[in-house]
Amino acid sequence: MRQKIQADVDAPLPLENIYRSPSLWAWIIDHHLVVATFPRAEIHVWNPTAAAIWLLLSEDKKTIENIACDLHDVFQETSANIYSDLNMCLTQWVTNQWLEVDENNYYSIHPKITESRPDSLVKTPRNNHEVIFDHSYSISGNQFSLIISADKESIADPFVSRLTSLADGFQHAEDRLGQELHIIIQSGNIYVGKINSNYKKFDIPAEALNYCIQYFLSISAGESNHFFTLHAAAIGQDNCILLSGVSGAGKSTLCALLSLRGWKYFGDDLVGLSLNQDGEGLIVPLPSAISVKDNNWGLISSYYPELNTFQPVNYGEKTARFLPLRHSEQVQDGEKEINAIVFPRFSLNSQLSFEPISAIDALGELVTAGISLPQEMDPADIEIFFKFIFSVSLYRLEYSDFEEANAWLSTLVIK
């Protein structure tokens, strides 16, 4: 039987927009403060105490003593607890440049207007690099070529092995058709663009990787578009489930094992979320190779012996092998409706347990796991994202037995 806890889509959302400026929007959602900053397009979730502090500051500028007195009237908390929370919020918000403090120590909401970071576009970098990778792929029936060049010092750059390992999950194409993405790595910088055209320059590998993934997502969708990129895996049947969580929660391992039980695979680690104006969420498939961390190699290789044939890839403090799912019945093309978001956690010898969670708890978990938003996103698009969170089933899952987890997750999708 299909389980679903879904909000009435015609009912007003339990959110209130309490502040708008060119660089910051703030909402109260389920008594919590949610802040989105622009143009960096970041989301921050704060607790009910922070929400009360923000509401007090929105009335007028106040000293810390004024705010503490008002908070005591609201929460009836001890002064020590009030000042601890208050100092933490005010210090962080001043650091974030959301507040100003005048010479009389009055705090006021006055977000600094941040200029958009201009794209660092350059002509083709000087030609002291050579092609080290050239391969054609197909995603959702759309072909493209990935070409990587590097100077002698950058041939072994971890960025190369991570990107090519991810791409190994895409369907390989024999013919060179469609677009070409050219990446040049030299002198500590990464340049992404098209041959004989302008290149975008990155000095942070993670930003370059995210840019490439956004490009892959646009290929999957068949058009240029803006996507939320979530740190999650996506599996399903006629519709799909997002498995989200911080690194190490076990979502990639669960995704690899579920694919052996007839689940369709839509992507791992980073997935694209496309939203329409009604708040309906669609997964944009990105069937990259599954990232299997070193502590799970033994488990996964017992199901996928070929895992041991792939070279380990080091990035940051992590070591992983990337497992392509090459079976056509597993890897799926085309956007799929999202039916639920589940936050799984593997716990050795634990009993299967699951509980529905609130939209604000789910939002906090998604932010903690990692959300990348398009730089050009309009603030109103954030509210569409909130509408999506309120419209799907939301669960926290703890398990130790994979078959039990599989049986329960099967109740959340339409087959």
Protein backbone atom coordinates (compact mmCIF):
# COMPACT_ATOMS: atom_id res chain seq x y z
CA MET A 1 0.00 0.00 0.00
CA ARG A 2 1.29 3.43 -0.88
CA GLN A 3 1.84 5.72 2.09
CA LYS A 4 1.72 9.46 1.67
CA ILE A 5 1.48 12.37 4.04
CA GLN A 6 0.85 15.40 1.86
CA ALA A 7 -0.26 18.90 2.60
CA ASP A 8 -3.37 20.28 0.92
CA VAL A 9 -1.82 22.02 -2.09
CA ASP A 10 -4.63 24.58 -2.12
CA ALA A 11 -4.17 25.48 1.54
CA PRO A 12 -2.09 28.56 2.39
CA LEU A 13 1.46 27.73 3.33
CA PRO A 14 2.41 28.19 7.00
CA LEU A 15 5.04 30.78 6.16
CA GLU A 16 5.17 34.53 6.54
CA ASN A 17 7.55 36.78 4.68
CA ILE A 18 8.69 39.28 7.31
CA TYR A 19 11.53 41.11 5.61
CA ARG A 20 12.59 41.95 2.07
CA SER A 21 15.60 43.84 0.80
CA PRO A 22 17.65 43.57 -2.40
CA SER A 23 20.13 41.27 -0.64
CA LEU A 24 18.06 39.42 2.00
CA TRP A 25 14.62 37.91 2.43
CA ALA A 26 13.40 36.48 5.74
CA TRP A 27 10.44 34.27 6.61
CA ILE A 28 8.87 32.76 9.69
CA ILE A 29 8.15 29.09 8.96
CA ASP A 30 6.71 26.98 11.76
CA HIS A 31 8.07 29.46 14.33
CA HIS A 32 11.59 29.24 12.85
CA LEU A 33 13.52 31.98 11.08
CA VAL A 34 14.53 31.20 7.50
CA VAL A 35 16.83 33.64 5.72
CA ALA A 36 17.84 33.67 2.05
CA THR A 37 20.69 35.91 0.93
CA PHE A 38 21.32 37.23 -2.57
CA PRO A 39 23.04 37.24 -5.00
CA ARG A 40 24.91 34.32 -3.36
CA ALA A 41 21.56 32.52 -3.01
CA GLU A 42 22.19 30.83 0.32
CA ILE A 43 19.51 29.56 2.73
CA HIS A 44 19.91 29.68 6.52
CA VAL A 45 17.56 28.10 9.09
CA TRP A 46 17.42 29.43 12.67
CA ASN A 47 15.50 28.30 15.74
CA PRO A 48 12.39 29.95 17.30
CA THR A 49 14.49 32.12 19.63
CA ALA A 50 16.24 33.61 16.61
CA ALA A 51 12.84 34.18 15.00
CA ALA A 52 11.70 36.15 18.06
CA ILE A 53 14.91 38.23 18.05
CA TRP A 54 14.47 39.07 14.37
CA LEU A 55 10.83 40.08 14.88
CA LEU A 56 11.82 42.36 17.76
CA LEU A 57 14.53 44.01 15.67
CA SER A 58 12.11 44.48 12.79
CA GLU A 59 10.05 46.78 15.04
CA ASP A 60 12.87 49.23 15.74
CA LYS A 61 16.56 49.36 16.60
CA LYS A 62 17.31 48.01 20.06
CA THR A 63 20.14 47.45 22.51
CA ILE A 64 20.98 43.96 23.66
CA GLU A 65 19.40 44.80 27.04
CA ASN A 66 16.14 45.86 25.34
CA ILE A 67 15.99 42.61 23.41
CA ALA A 68 16.83 40.47 26.46
CA CYS A 69 14.03 42.08 28.46
CA ASP A 70 11.51 41.44 25.67
CA LEU A 71 12.69 37.83 25.28
CA HIS A 72 12.28 37.21 28.99
CA ASP A 73 8.66 38.35 28.76
CA VAL A 74 8.05 35.98 25.82
CA PHE A 75 9.91 32.83 26.92
CA GLN A 76 10.18 33.22 30.72
CA GLU A 77 13.74 31.90 30.46
CA THR A 78 16.65 32.62 32.79
CA SER A 79 18.84 35.59 31.95
CA ALA A 80 21.85 33.31 31.39
CA ASN A 81 20.06 31.29 28.71
CA ILE A 82 18.60 34.38 27.07
CA TYR A 83 21.95 36.18 26.84
CA SER A 84 23.68 33.06 25.53
CA ASP A 85 21.23 32.71 22.61
CA LEU A 86 21.09 36.44 22.04
CA ASN A 87 24.84 36.93 21.89
CA MET A 88 25.21 34.01 19.50
CA CYS A 89 22.58 35.37 17.09
CA LEU A 90 23.70 38.99 17.17
CA THR A 91 27.38 38.11 16.76
CA GLN A 92 26.69 35.85 13.77
CA TRP A 93 24.29 38.28 12.10
CA VAL A 94 26.74 41.17 12.44
CA THR A 95 29.46 38.92 10.98
CA ASN A 96 27.09 38.05 8.12
CA GLN A 97 26.51 41.79 7.63
CA TRP A 98 22.77 41.47 8.19
CA LEU A 99 22.80 43.89 11.15
CA GLU A 100 24.43 47.21 11.91
CA VAL A 101 25.51 48.47 15.35
CA ASP A 102 25.67 52.21 15.96
CA GLU A 103 27.90 54.13 18.37
CA ASN A 104 25.31 53.70 21.15
CA ASN A 105 25.24 49.90 20.71
CA TYR A 106 21.82 49.86 19.10
CA TYR A 107 21.31 46.95 16.71
CA SER A 108 19.23 47.33 13.56
CA ILE A 109 18.44 45.15 10.56
CA HIS A 110 20.39 46.59 7.66
CA PRO A 111 21.77 43.95 5.29
CA LYS A 112 24.74 45.00 3.24
CA ILE A 113 24.01 45.01 -0.48
CA THR A 114 26.41 42.53 -2.02
CA GLU A 115 27.36 42.98 -5.61
CA SER A 116 27.13 39.97 -7.87
CA ARG A 117 30.45 38.29 -8.29
CA PRO A 118 31.33 38.90 -11.95
CA ASP A 119 32.11 35.89 -14.07
CA SER A 120 35.84 35.56 -14.56
CA LEU A 121 35.84 35.04 -18.33
CA VAL A 122 39.11 34.69 -20.16
CA LYS A 123 40.23 33.84 -23.65
CA THR A 124 41.72 30.42 -24.29
CA PRO A 125 44.59 30.06 -21.77
CA ARG A 126 48.09 29.97 -23.20
CA ASN A 127 48.76 26.76 -25.04
CA ASN A 128 51.10 24.89 -22.70
CA HIS A 129 48.58 22.12 -22.03
CA GLU A 130 47.69 18.89 -23.80
CA VAL A 131 44.51 16.82 -24.10
CA ILE A 132 44.47 14.04 -21.49
CA PHE A 133 40.81 12.99 -21.77
CA ASP A 134 38.36 13.05 -24.68
CA HIS A 135 35.12 11.09 -24.52
CA SER A 136 31.54 11.32 -25.77
CA TYR A 137 28.46 10.57 -23.67
CA SER A 138 24.68 10.56 -23.85
CA ILE A 139 22.37 11.72 -21.04
CA SER A 140 18.61 11.33 -21.54
CA GLY A 141 19.28 10.80 -25.25
CA ASN A 142 21.26 14.04 -25.61
CA GLN A 143 24.90 13.70 -26.62
CA PHE A 144 27.91 15.78 -25.64
CA SER A 145 31.68 15.45 -25.47
CA LEU A 146 33.91 16.02 -22.45
CA ILE A 147 37.46 17.13 -23.25
CA ILE A 148 40.05 17.76 -20.53
CA SER A 149 43.45 19.35 -21.09
CA ALA A 150 46.16 19.89 -18.49
CA ASP A 151 49.71 21.12 -18.15
CA LYS A 152 52.36 18.69 -16.95
CA GLU A 153 51.95 19.69 -13.30
CA SER A 154 48.16 19.15 -13.36
CA ILE A 155 47.79 15.79 -15.12
CA ALA A 156 47.33 14.01 -11.77
CA ASP A 157 45.02 16.70 -10.34
CA PRO A 158 42.29 15.04 -8.17
CA PHE A 159 39.68 17.13 -9.98
CA VAL A 160 40.34 15.13 -13.16
CA SER A 161 39.86 11.72 -11.56
CA ARG A 162 36.73 12.79 -9.70
CA LEU A 163 35.04 14.36 -12.73
CA THR A 164 35.89 11.52 -15.12
CA SER A 165 34.85 8.91 -12.54
CA LEU A 166 31.47 10.61 -12.11
CA ALA A 167 31.00 10.82 -15.87
CA ASP A 168 31.77 7.12 -16.27
CA GLY A 169 28.22 6.42 -15.15
CA PHE A 170 26.77 8.18 -18.21
CA GLN A 171 25.94 6.17 -21.30
CA HIS A 172 28.99 6.09 -23.56
CA ALA A 173 28.49 7.34 -27.12
CA GLU A 174 30.49 6.28 -30.18
CA ASP A 175 29.88 9.35 -32.32
CA ARG A 176 30.92 12.91 -31.55
CA LEU A 177 27.62 14.78 -31.68
CA GLY A 178 26.09 17.68 -29.79
CA GLN A 179 27.89 20.11 -27.50
CA GLU A 180 31.49 20.02 -26.32
CA LEU A 181 32.62 20.93 -22.82
CA HIS A 182 36.33 21.74 -22.63
CA ILE A 183 38.18 21.91 -19.31
CA ILE A 184 41.74 23.19 -18.99
CA ILE A 185 43.72 22.72 -15.78
CA GLN A 186 46.93 24.66 -15.41
CA SER A 187 48.84 26.74 -12.88
CA GLY A 188 46.40 25.86 -10.09
CA ASN A 189 43.35 27.16 -11.96
CA ILE A 190 40.48 25.39 -13.74
CA TYR A 191 39.02 26.85 -16.93
CA VAL A 192 35.66 25.63 -18.25
CA GLY A 193 34.23 26.54 -21.64
CA LYS A 194 34.16 25.65 -25.29
CA ILE A 195 37.14 25.36 -27.63
CA ASN A 196 37.99 28.67 -29.34
CA SER A 197 35.59 30.52 -27.06
CA ASN A 198 35.69 32.28 -23.69
CA TYR A 199 36.39 30.17 -20.60
CA LYS A 200 35.13 30.64 -17.06
CA LYS A 201 38.00 30.63 -14.58
CA PHE A 202 37.80 28.89 -11.19
CA ASP A 203 40.34 28.77 -8.39
CA ILE A 204 38.15 26.55 -6.16
CA PRO A 205 37.73 22.98 -7.54
CA ALA A 206 34.34 22.46 -5.82
CA GLU A 207 32.91 25.48 -7.64
CA ALA A 208 34.25 24.20 -10.96
CA LEU A 209 32.73 20.77 -10.29
CA ASN A 210 29.34 22.28 -9.45
CA TYR A 211 29.49 24.33 -12.66
CA CYS A 212 30.18 21.18 -14.68
CA ILE A 213 27.31 19.35 -12.97
CA GLN A 214 24.94 22.21 -13.79
CA TYR A 215 26.07 21.83 -17.40
CA PHE A 216 25.39 18.07 -17.32
CA LEU A 217 21.93 18.76 -15.87
CA SER A 218 21.11 21.16 -18.70
CA ILE A 219 22.14 18.41 -21.15
CA SER A 220 19.85 15.96 -19.34
CA ALA A 221 16.92 18.38 -19.51
CA GLY A 222 17.58 19.11 -23.18
CA GLU A 223 17.73 22.85 -22.60
CA SER A 224 19.52 25.49 -20.58
CA ASN A 225 17.77 25.91 -17.26
CA HIS A 226 18.31 26.74 -13.62
CA PHE A 227 18.35 23.91 -11.11
CA PHE A 228 18.60 23.41 -7.41
CA THR A 229 21.44 20.96 -6.85
CA LEU A 230 20.90 18.77 -3.78
CA HIS A 231 23.34 16.53 -1.92
CA ALA A 232 21.17 13.45 -2.33
CA ALA A 233 20.55 10.24 -4.24
CA ALA A 234 17.41 9.61 -6.29
CA ILE A 235 15.71 6.25 -6.82
CA GLY A 236 12.20 5.16 -7.66
CA GLN A 237 9.74 3.56 -10.01
CA ASP A 238 7.21 5.64 -11.97
CA ASN A 239 8.03 8.45 -9.58
CA CYS A 240 11.00 8.79 -7.26
CA ILE A 241 12.31 9.28 -3.74
CA LEU A 242 15.11 11.60 -2.71
CA LEU A 243 17.55 10.10 -0.20
CA SER A 244 19.30 13.06 1.41
CA GLY A 245 21.82 13.46 4.19
CA VAL A 246 25.32 14.48 5.12
CA SER A 247 28.27 12.55 3.76
CA GLY A 248 28.55 9.18 5.49
CA ALA A 249 24.83 8.73 6.19
CA GLY A 250 24.76 5.75 3.83
CA LYS A 251 22.52 7.07 1.05
CA SER A 252 24.90 6.06 -1.78
CA THR A 253 25.31 2.54 -0.38
CA LEU A 254 21.54 2.19 0.02
CA CYS A 255 21.03 3.45 -3.53
CA ALA A 256 23.49 0.88 -4.96
CA LEU A 257 21.82 -1.99 -3.10
CA LEU A 258 18.28 -0.90 -3.99
CA SER A 259 19.19 -0.96 -7.68
CA LEU A 260 19.61 -4.74 -7.27
CA ARG A 261 16.00 -5.01 -6.13
CA GLY A 262 14.41 -3.48 -9.18
CA TRP A 263 14.65 0.18 -8.25
CA LYS A 264 15.38 2.64 -11.04
CA TYR A 265 18.41 4.87 -10.66
CA PHE A 266 18.21 8.63 -11.28
CA GLY A 267 21.42 9.90 -9.69
CA ASP A 268 23.70 9.92 -6.66
CA ASP A 269 25.56 12.44 -4.53
CA LEU A 270 24.38 15.46 -6.51
CA VAL A 271 20.95 15.52 -8.14
CA GLY A 272 19.05 18.23 -9.94
CA LEU A 273 15.68 19.53 -8.78
CA SER A 274 13.46 21.39 -11.23
CA LEU A 275 10.37 23.19 -9.92
CA ASN A 276 7.27 24.53 -11.64
CA GLN A 277 5.18 27.45 -10.41
CA ASP A 278 2.84 25.10 -8.51
CA GLY A 279 5.71 23.82 -6.39
CA GLU A 280 5.81 20.41 -8.04
CA GLY A 281 9.31 18.98 -7.92
CA LEU A 282 10.87 16.96 -10.72
CA ILE A 283 14.17 15.12 -10.62
CA VAL A 284 16.43 15.90 -13.56
CA PRO A 285 18.27 12.57 -13.94
CA LEU A 286 22.05 12.69 -13.69
CA PRO A 287 23.05 9.00 -13.73
CA SER A 288 26.64 9.52 -12.64
CA ALA A 289 28.68 6.69 -11.15
CA ILE A 290 27.82 5.99 -7.50
CA SER A 291 30.40 7.20 -4.98
CA VAL A 292 31.24 4.29 -2.64
CA LYS A 293 33.35 5.36 0.36
CA ASP A 294 36.22 3.16 1.49
CA ASN A 295 34.43 1.93 4.64
CA ASN A 296 31.74 0.34 2.43
CA TRP A 297 33.94 -1.31 -0.22
CA GLY A 298 33.67 -4.75 1.41
CA LEU A 299 29.87 -4.65 1.59
CA ILE A 300 29.27 -3.30 -1.92
CA SER A 301 31.91 -5.50 -3.61
CA SER A 302 30.05 -8.59 -2.36
CA TYR A 303 27.15 -7.46 -4.57
CA TYR A 304 29.20 -5.69 -7.25
CA PRO A 305 32.55 -7.54 -7.63
CA GLU A 306 33.57 -5.13 -10.39
CA LEU A 307 33.91 -2.36 -7.78
CA ASN A 308 37.43 -3.58 -6.97
CA THR A 309 38.53 -2.95 -10.57
CA PHE A 310 38.06 0.82 -10.23
CA GLN A 311 40.89 2.99 -8.95
CA PRO A 312 40.33 4.82 -5.63
CA VAL A 313 39.74 8.54 -5.99
CA ASN A 314 40.91 10.94 -3.29
CA TYR A 315 39.16 14.27 -2.84
CA GLY A 316 39.38 16.36 0.30
CA GLU A 317 39.59 13.95 3.21
CA LYS A 318 37.55 11.27 1.41
CA THR A 319 38.52 8.20 -0.57
CA ALA A 320 35.96 6.54 -2.83
CA ARG A 321 35.53 4.22 -5.76
CA PHE A 322 32.95 5.23 -8.36
CA LEU A 323 30.59 2.45 -9.43
CA PRO A 324 28.79 2.88 -12.79
CA LEU A 325 25.35 1.27 -13.08
CA ARG A 326 25.37 0.19 -16.69
CA HIS A 327 22.14 -1.82 -16.83
CA SER A 328 19.52 -0.08 -18.96
CA GLU A 329 16.70 -1.16 -16.64
CA GLN A 330 18.44 0.59 -13.73
CA VAL A 331 19.52 3.89 -15.29
CA GLN A 332 16.54 6.02 -16.26
CA ASP A 333 16.09 9.03 -18.53
CA GLY A 334 13.53 11.81 -18.38
CA GLU A 335 12.32 13.98 -15.50
CA LYS A 336 10.45 12.14 -12.74
CA GLU A 337 8.01 13.44 -10.13
CA ILE A 338 9.30 13.38 -6.54
CA ASN A 339 6.96 11.58 -4.17
CA ALA A 340 8.95 11.71 -0.93
CA ILE A 341 12.16 12.88 0.71
CA VAL A 342 13.76 10.43 3.13
CA PHE A 343 16.74 11.08 5.40
CA PRO A 344 18.29 7.63 5.94
CA ARG A 345 20.84 6.66 8.57
CA PHE A 346 22.49 3.27 8.84
CA SER A 347 22.90 2.17 12.47
CA LEU A 348 24.48 -1.22 13.17
CA ASN A 349 22.14 -3.71 14.92
CA SER A 350 19.31 -1.17 15.14
CA GLN A 351 15.65 -1.97 14.60
CA LEU A 352 13.98 -0.45 11.57
CA SER A 353 12.39 2.84 12.57
CA PHE A 354 10.84 5.64 10.58
CA GLU A 355 8.95 8.76 11.47
CA PRO A 356 7.33 11.59 9.52
CA ILE A 357 9.07 14.90 10.10
CA SER A 358 7.97 18.49 9.69
CA ALA A 359 8.76 20.62 6.67
CA ILE A 360 11.01 22.92 8.73
CA ASP A 361 12.99 19.93 10.04
CA ALA A 362 13.36 18.62 6.49
CA LEU A 363 14.47 22.03 5.26
CA GLY A 364 17.10 22.20 8.00
CA GLU A 365 18.37 18.72 7.05
CA LEU A 366 18.55 19.64 3.36
CA VAL A 367 20.48 22.83 4.13
CA THR A 368 22.89 20.92 6.39
CA ALA A 369 23.43 18.25 3.71
CA GLY A 370 24.02 20.88 1.06
CA ILE A 371 21.93 22.86 -1.43
CA SER A 372 23.39 24.77 -4.37
CA LEU A 373 21.10 27.41 -5.82
CA PRO A 374 21.46 29.11 -9.20
CA GLN A 375 23.22 32.46 -8.89
CA GLU A 376 20.51 34.12 -11.01
CA MET A 377 17.64 32.83 -8.88
CA ASP A 378 14.89 35.30 -8.06
CA PRO A 379 13.91 35.50 -4.36
CA ALA A 380 10.37 34.44 -5.24
CA ASP A 381 11.75 31.13 -6.52
CA ILE A 382 12.79 30.31 -2.95
CA GLU A 383 9.12 30.36 -1.94
CA ILE A 384 8.36 27.87 -4.73
CA PHE A 385 11.03 25.64 -3.19
CA PHE A 386 9.32 25.96 0.22
CA LYS A 387 6.00 25.05 -1.42
CA PHE A 388 7.61 21.89 -2.78
CA ILE A 389 8.91 20.89 0.68
CA PHE A 390 5.39 21.24 2.11
CA SER A 391 3.85 19.15 -0.69
CA VAL A 392 5.78 15.86 -0.39
CA SER A 393 6.09 13.09 2.18
CA LEU A 394 8.99 13.66 4.58
CA TYR A 395 10.57 10.93 6.71
CA ARG A 396 13.58 10.11 8.84
CA LEU A 397 14.68 6.46 8.50
CA GLU A 398 17.04 4.41 10.67
CA TYR A 399 17.92 0.87 9.66
CA SER A 400 20.51 -1.89 9.86
CA ASP A 401 18.80 -4.51 7.67
CA PHE A 402 18.84 -3.55 4.00
CA GLU A 403 15.90 -5.82 3.07
CA GLU A 404 13.71 -4.21 5.74
CA ALA A 405 14.62 -0.75 4.44
CA ASN A 406 13.81 -1.87 0.90
CA ALA A 407 10.39 -3.19 1.94
CA TRP A 408 9.47 0.02 3.75
CA LEU A 409 10.72 2.36 1.02
CA SER A 410 8.65 0.39 -1.51
CA THR A 411 5.50 1.66 0.19
CA LEU A 412 6.37 5.25 -0.74
CA VAL A 413 6.39 4.90 -4.53
CA ILE A 414 3.94 4.02 -7.27
CA LYS A 415 5.07 0.96 -9.19
